[in-house]
Amino acid sequence: MLVEDEKKVADFVACGLRAERFAVDVAADGPGAIQMLAACQYDFVILDLMLPGLSGSEVLKRIRSEE
């Protein structure tokens, strides 16, 4: 999962990961990331820290509290 609010950056990183045959879901904000994380289980998350709606740090705290 990739969490990045800048579309050009998200597209670039996702394209590179897909070229290496990774499946990539993209969230553009903190609340969207939380929703996606509740719906799916991901092997890893690439997380921007400065996100709209909910900071990357807060998203990370919530991920860790679920473990």
N, C-alpha and C. Protein backbone atom coordinates (compact mmCIF):
# COMPACT_ATOMS: atom_id res chain seq x y z
N MET A 1 0.84 -1.16 0.00
CA MET A 1 0.00 0.00 0.00
C MET A 1 0.90 1.24 0.00
N LEU A 2 0.51 2.20 -0.79
CA LEU A 2 1.22 3.48 -0.87
C LEU A 2 0.27 4.58 -0.40
N VAL A 3 0.72 5.38 0.56
CA VAL A 3 -0.08 6.50 1.05
C VAL A 3 0.69 7.77 0.75
N GLU A 4 0.20 8.51 -0.24
CA GLU A 4 0.88 9.73 -0.72
C GLU A 4 -0.16 10.68 -1.28
N ASP A 5 -0.14 11.93 -0.82
CA ASP A 5 -1.14 12.90 -1.25
C ASP A 5 -0.77 13.64 -2.53
N GLU A 6 0.48 13.65 -2.91
CA GLU A 6 0.88 14.32 -4.16
C GLU A 6 0.73 13.33 -5.31
N LYS A 7 -0.23 13.59 -6.19
CA LYS A 7 -0.58 12.65 -7.25
C LYS A 7 0.59 12.27 -8.14
N LYS A 8 1.41 13.23 -8.53
CA LYS A 8 2.54 12.92 -9.41
C LYS A 8 3.52 11.97 -8.73
N VAL A 9 3.79 12.21 -7.45
CA VAL A 9 4.70 11.34 -6.70
C VAL A 9 4.09 9.95 -6.55
N ALA A 10 2.81 9.90 -6.19
CA ALA A 10 2.12 8.61 -6.02
C ALA A 10 2.13 7.82 -7.33
N ASP A 11 1.84 8.49 -8.43
CA ASP A 11 1.82 7.81 -9.74
C ASP A 11 3.21 7.28 -10.10
N PHE A 12 4.24 8.08 -9.85
CA PHE A 12 5.61 7.68 -10.17
C PHE A 12 6.04 6.46 -9.35
N VAL A 13 5.82 6.51 -8.04
CA VAL A 13 6.22 5.40 -7.16
C VAL A 13 5.40 4.15 -7.47
N ALA A 14 4.09 4.31 -7.63
CA ALA A 14 3.24 3.16 -7.93
C ALA A 14 3.63 2.52 -9.26
N CYS A 15 3.94 3.34 -10.25
CA CYS A 15 4.35 2.82 -11.56
C CYS A 15 5.64 1.99 -11.43
N GLY A 16 6.58 2.50 -10.69
CA GLY A 16 7.84 1.78 -10.48
C GLY A 16 7.63 0.46 -9.76
N LEU A 17 6.78 0.46 -8.75
CA LEU A 17 6.51 -0.77 -8.02
C LEU A 17 5.77 -1.78 -8.89
N ARG A 18 4.81 -1.30 -9.67
CA ARG A 18 4.07 -2.20 -10.56
C ARG A 18 4.98 -2.78 -11.64
N ALA A 19 5.95 -2.00 -12.10
CA ALA A 19 6.91 -2.49 -13.08
C ALA A 19 7.73 -3.66 -12.52
N GLU A 20 7.88 -3.67 -11.20
CA GLU A 20 8.59 -4.77 -10.53
C GLU A 20 7.63 -5.87 -10.07
N ARG A 21 6.38 -5.80 -10.57
CA ARG A 21 5.35 -6.80 -10.35
C ARG A 21 4.77 -6.83 -8.94
N PHE A 22 4.80 -5.68 -8.27
CA PHE A 22 4.10 -5.55 -7.00
C PHE A 22 2.67 -5.10 -7.28
N ALA A 23 1.73 -5.59 -6.50
CA ALA A 23 0.36 -5.06 -6.54
C ALA A 23 0.35 -3.85 -5.63
N VAL A 24 -0.18 -2.73 -6.09
CA VAL A 24 -0.12 -1.48 -5.33
C VAL A 24 -1.51 -0.86 -5.24
N ASP A 25 -1.95 -0.60 -4.02
CA ASP A 25 -3.14 0.22 -3.77
C ASP A 25 -2.65 1.57 -3.28
N VAL A 26 -3.31 2.64 -3.70
CA VAL A 26 -2.87 3.99 -3.34
C VAL A 26 -3.98 4.71 -2.58
N ALA A 27 -3.61 5.31 -1.45
CA ALA A 27 -4.51 6.18 -0.69
C ALA A 27 -3.91 7.58 -0.73
N ALA A 28 -4.78 8.60 -0.85
CA ALA A 28 -4.31 9.97 -0.99
C ALA A 28 -4.38 10.78 0.29
N ASP A 29 -4.93 10.18 1.37
CA ASP A 29 -5.01 10.91 2.64
C ASP A 29 -5.07 9.92 3.80
N GLY A 30 -4.93 10.44 5.00
CA GLY A 30 -4.92 9.60 6.19
C GLY A 30 -6.19 8.81 6.40
N PRO A 31 -7.37 9.46 6.35
CA PRO A 31 -8.61 8.71 6.54
C PRO A 31 -8.81 7.62 5.48
N GLY A 32 -8.44 7.89 4.25
CA GLY A 32 -8.54 6.88 3.20
C GLY A 32 -7.62 5.70 3.48
N ALA A 33 -6.44 5.98 3.99
CA ALA A 33 -5.51 4.90 4.35
C ALA A 33 -6.08 4.03 5.45
N ILE A 34 -6.68 4.65 6.46
CA ILE A 34 -7.27 3.89 7.57
C ILE A 34 -8.39 2.99 7.04
N GLN A 35 -9.23 3.50 6.15
CA GLN A 35 -10.31 2.70 5.56
C GLN A 35 -9.76 1.51 4.78
N MET A 36 -8.75 1.76 3.97
CA MET A 36 -8.18 0.68 3.17
C MET A 36 -7.50 -0.36 4.05
N LEU A 37 -6.83 0.09 5.09
CA LEU A 37 -6.17 -0.84 6.01
C LEU A 37 -7.18 -1.70 6.77
N ALA A 38 -8.36 -1.16 7.03
CA ALA A 38 -9.40 -1.93 7.71
C ALA A 38 -10.00 -2.98 6.78
N ALA A 39 -9.98 -2.71 5.47
CA ALA A 39 -10.61 -3.61 4.50
C ALA A 39 -9.66 -4.70 3.98
N CYS A 40 -8.36 -4.42 3.96
CA CYS A 40 -7.39 -5.35 3.37
C CYS A 40 -6.18 -5.51 4.29
N GLN A 41 -5.52 -6.63 4.11
CA GLN A 41 -4.28 -6.87 4.84
C GLN A 41 -3.12 -6.65 3.87
N TYR A 42 -2.18 -5.81 4.23
CA TYR A 42 -1.05 -5.48 3.35
C TYR A 42 0.25 -6.02 3.93
N ASP A 43 1.14 -6.42 3.04
CA ASP A 43 2.46 -6.89 3.46
C ASP A 43 3.35 -5.75 3.90
N PHE A 44 3.21 -4.59 3.25
CA PHE A 44 3.96 -3.41 3.67
C PHE A 44 3.23 -2.15 3.25
N VAL A 45 3.57 -1.05 3.94
CA VAL A 45 2.95 0.25 3.68
C VAL A 45 4.06 1.27 3.49
N ILE A 46 4.00 2.01 2.40
CA ILE A 46 4.88 3.15 2.19
C ILE A 46 4.04 4.36 2.56
N LEU A 47 4.46 5.08 3.59
CA LEU A 47 3.61 6.08 4.23
C LEU A 47 4.27 7.45 4.26
N ASP A 48 3.62 8.42 3.62
CA ASP A 48 4.03 9.82 3.70
C ASP A 48 3.65 10.33 5.09
N LEU A 49 4.46 11.15 5.70
CA LEU A 49 4.16 11.65 7.04
C LEU A 49 3.25 12.87 7.04
N MET A 50 3.33 13.68 5.99
CA MET A 50 2.52 14.90 5.92
C MET A 50 1.33 14.66 5.00
N LEU A 51 0.21 14.23 5.59
CA LEU A 51 -0.99 13.88 4.82
C LEU A 51 -2.16 14.76 5.24
N PRO A 52 -3.09 15.00 4.34
CA PRO A 52 -4.31 15.73 4.73
C PRO A 52 -5.25 14.82 5.52
N GLY A 53 -5.99 15.43 6.43
CA GLY A 53 -7.01 14.71 7.18
C GLY A 53 -6.51 14.01 8.42
N LEU A 54 -5.39 13.34 8.31
CA LEU A 54 -4.81 12.58 9.42
C LEU A 54 -3.34 12.39 9.07
N SER A 55 -2.45 12.79 9.95
CA SER A 55 -1.02 12.72 9.63
C SER A 55 -0.55 11.28 9.49
N GLY A 56 0.53 11.11 8.76
CA GLY A 56 1.14 9.79 8.63
C GLY A 56 1.54 9.21 9.96
N SER A 57 1.99 10.06 10.89
CA SER A 57 2.35 9.59 12.23
C SER A 57 1.14 8.99 12.94
N GLU A 58 -0.01 9.64 12.80
CA GLU A 58 -1.23 9.14 13.43
C GLU A 58 -1.69 7.84 12.76
N VAL A 59 -1.58 7.77 11.45
CA VAL A 59 -1.91 6.52 10.74
C VAL A 59 -1.03 5.39 11.26
N LEU A 60 0.27 5.65 11.41
CA LEU A 60 1.19 4.64 11.91
C LEU A 60 0.83 4.21 13.33
N LYS A 61 0.48 5.15 14.19
CA LYS A 61 0.05 4.80 15.55
C LYS A 61 -1.15 3.87 15.53
N ARG A 62 -2.09 4.15 14.65
CA ARG A 62 -3.29 3.31 14.56
C ARG A 62 -2.96 1.92 14.01
N ILE A 63 -2.04 1.86 13.04
CA ILE A 63 -1.61 0.56 12.52
C ILE A 63 -1.00 -0.26 13.64
N ARG A 64 -0.11 0.35 14.39
CA ARG A 64 0.57 -0.37 15.46
C ARG A 64 -0.38 -0.76 16.60
N SER A 65 -1.39 0.03 16.86
CA SER A 65 -2.32 -0.31 17.94
C SER A 65 -3.21 -1.49 17.57
N GLU A 66 -3.34 -1.77 16.27
CA GLU A 66 -4.15 -2.90 15.79
C GLU A 66 -3.42 -4.24 15.93
N GLU A 67 -2.11 -4.20 16.05
CA GLU A 67 -1.32 -5.45 16.10
C GLU A 67 -1.49 -6.17 17.40
